[in-house]
């Protein structure tokens, strides 16, 4: 059975990004596009993983595991 969002364990990571990217990320949060930096980054990572999984399937290999 898939986990709901509230049941997923979150882990803390630290990343370095250019100041300009952070300013643009903060603008997305200020404008209401995302409730927080963390949520915006989670969405970006999720979308990247989905795209890479699809690309792996199209190329016939290298499919990322979902971790579940």
Protein backbone atom coordinates (compact mmCIF):
# COMPACT_ATOMS: atom_id res chain seq x y z
CA UNK A 1 0.00 0.00 0.00
CA UNK A 2 1.50 3.40 -0.96
CA UNK A 3 2.44 5.72 1.84
CA UNK A 4 0.59 9.00 2.22
CA UNK A 5 2.58 12.21 2.32
CA UNK A 6 2.19 12.47 6.09
CA UNK A 7 3.59 8.94 6.54
CA UNK A 8 6.76 9.49 4.52
CA UNK A 9 9.89 10.00 6.58
CA UNK A 10 11.71 13.18 5.65
CA UNK A 11 15.48 13.46 5.86
CA UNK A 12 17.47 16.66 6.04
CA UNK A 13 20.03 17.37 3.32
CA UNK A 14 22.27 20.35 2.74
CA UNK A 15 23.03 21.75 -0.70
CA UNK A 16 25.02 24.66 -2.07
CA UNK A 17 23.35 26.69 -4.81
CA UNK A 18 24.24 29.98 -6.49
CA UNK A 19 22.82 33.08 -4.81
CA UNK A 20 20.80 33.97 -7.93
CA UNK A 21 19.05 30.58 -7.86
CA UNK A 22 18.19 31.07 -4.19
CA UNK A 23 16.78 34.52 -4.89
CA UNK A 24 14.62 33.13 -7.69
CA UNK A 25 13.50 30.25 -5.47
CA UNK A 26 12.55 32.71 -2.73
CA UNK A 27 10.56 34.72 -5.26
CA UNK A 28 8.54 31.60 -6.14
CA UNK A 29 7.77 31.18 -2.44
CA UNK A 30 6.91 34.88 -1.97
CA UNK A 31 4.59 34.81 -4.98
CA UNK A 32 2.71 31.84 -3.52
CA UNK A 33 3.79 29.31 -6.14
CA UNK A 34 5.12 27.13 -3.30
CA UNK A 35 4.52 27.22 0.45
CA UNK A 36 8.24 26.87 1.25
CA UNK A 37 11.70 26.41 -0.20
CA UNK A 38 11.60 22.78 0.87
CA UNK A 39 8.39 22.08 -1.02
CA UNK A 40 9.69 23.77 -4.17
CA UNK A 41 12.87 21.70 -4.04
CA UNK A 42 10.90 18.47 -3.38
CA UNK A 43 8.74 19.18 -6.44
CA UNK A 44 11.82 19.88 -8.57
CA UNK A 45 13.51 16.65 -7.46
CA UNK A 46 10.33 14.63 -7.97
CA UNK A 47 9.92 16.01 -11.49
CA UNK A 48 13.57 15.28 -12.29
CA UNK A 49 13.22 11.69 -11.08
CA UNK A 50 10.04 11.16 -13.10
CA UNK A 51 11.73 12.55 -16.23
CA UNK A 52 14.85 10.45 -15.75
CA UNK A 53 12.83 7.27 -15.12
CA UNK A 54 10.90 7.89 -18.34
CA UNK A 55 14.10 8.53 -20.24
CA UNK A 56 15.59 5.30 -18.88
CA UNK A 57 12.56 3.33 -20.00
CA UNK A 58 12.69 4.91 -23.47
CA UNK A 59 16.37 4.00 -23.76
CA UNK A 60 15.75 0.47 -22.53
CA UNK A 61 17.71 0.55 -19.31
CA UNK A 62 19.10 2.52 -16.42
CA UNK A 63 15.72 2.95 -14.79
CA UNK A 64 15.94 4.56 -11.37
CA UNK A 65 14.44 2.62 -8.51
CA UNK A 66 11.54 4.26 -6.67
CA UNK A 67 12.90 3.28 -3.25
CA UNK A 68 9.68 1.54 -2.22
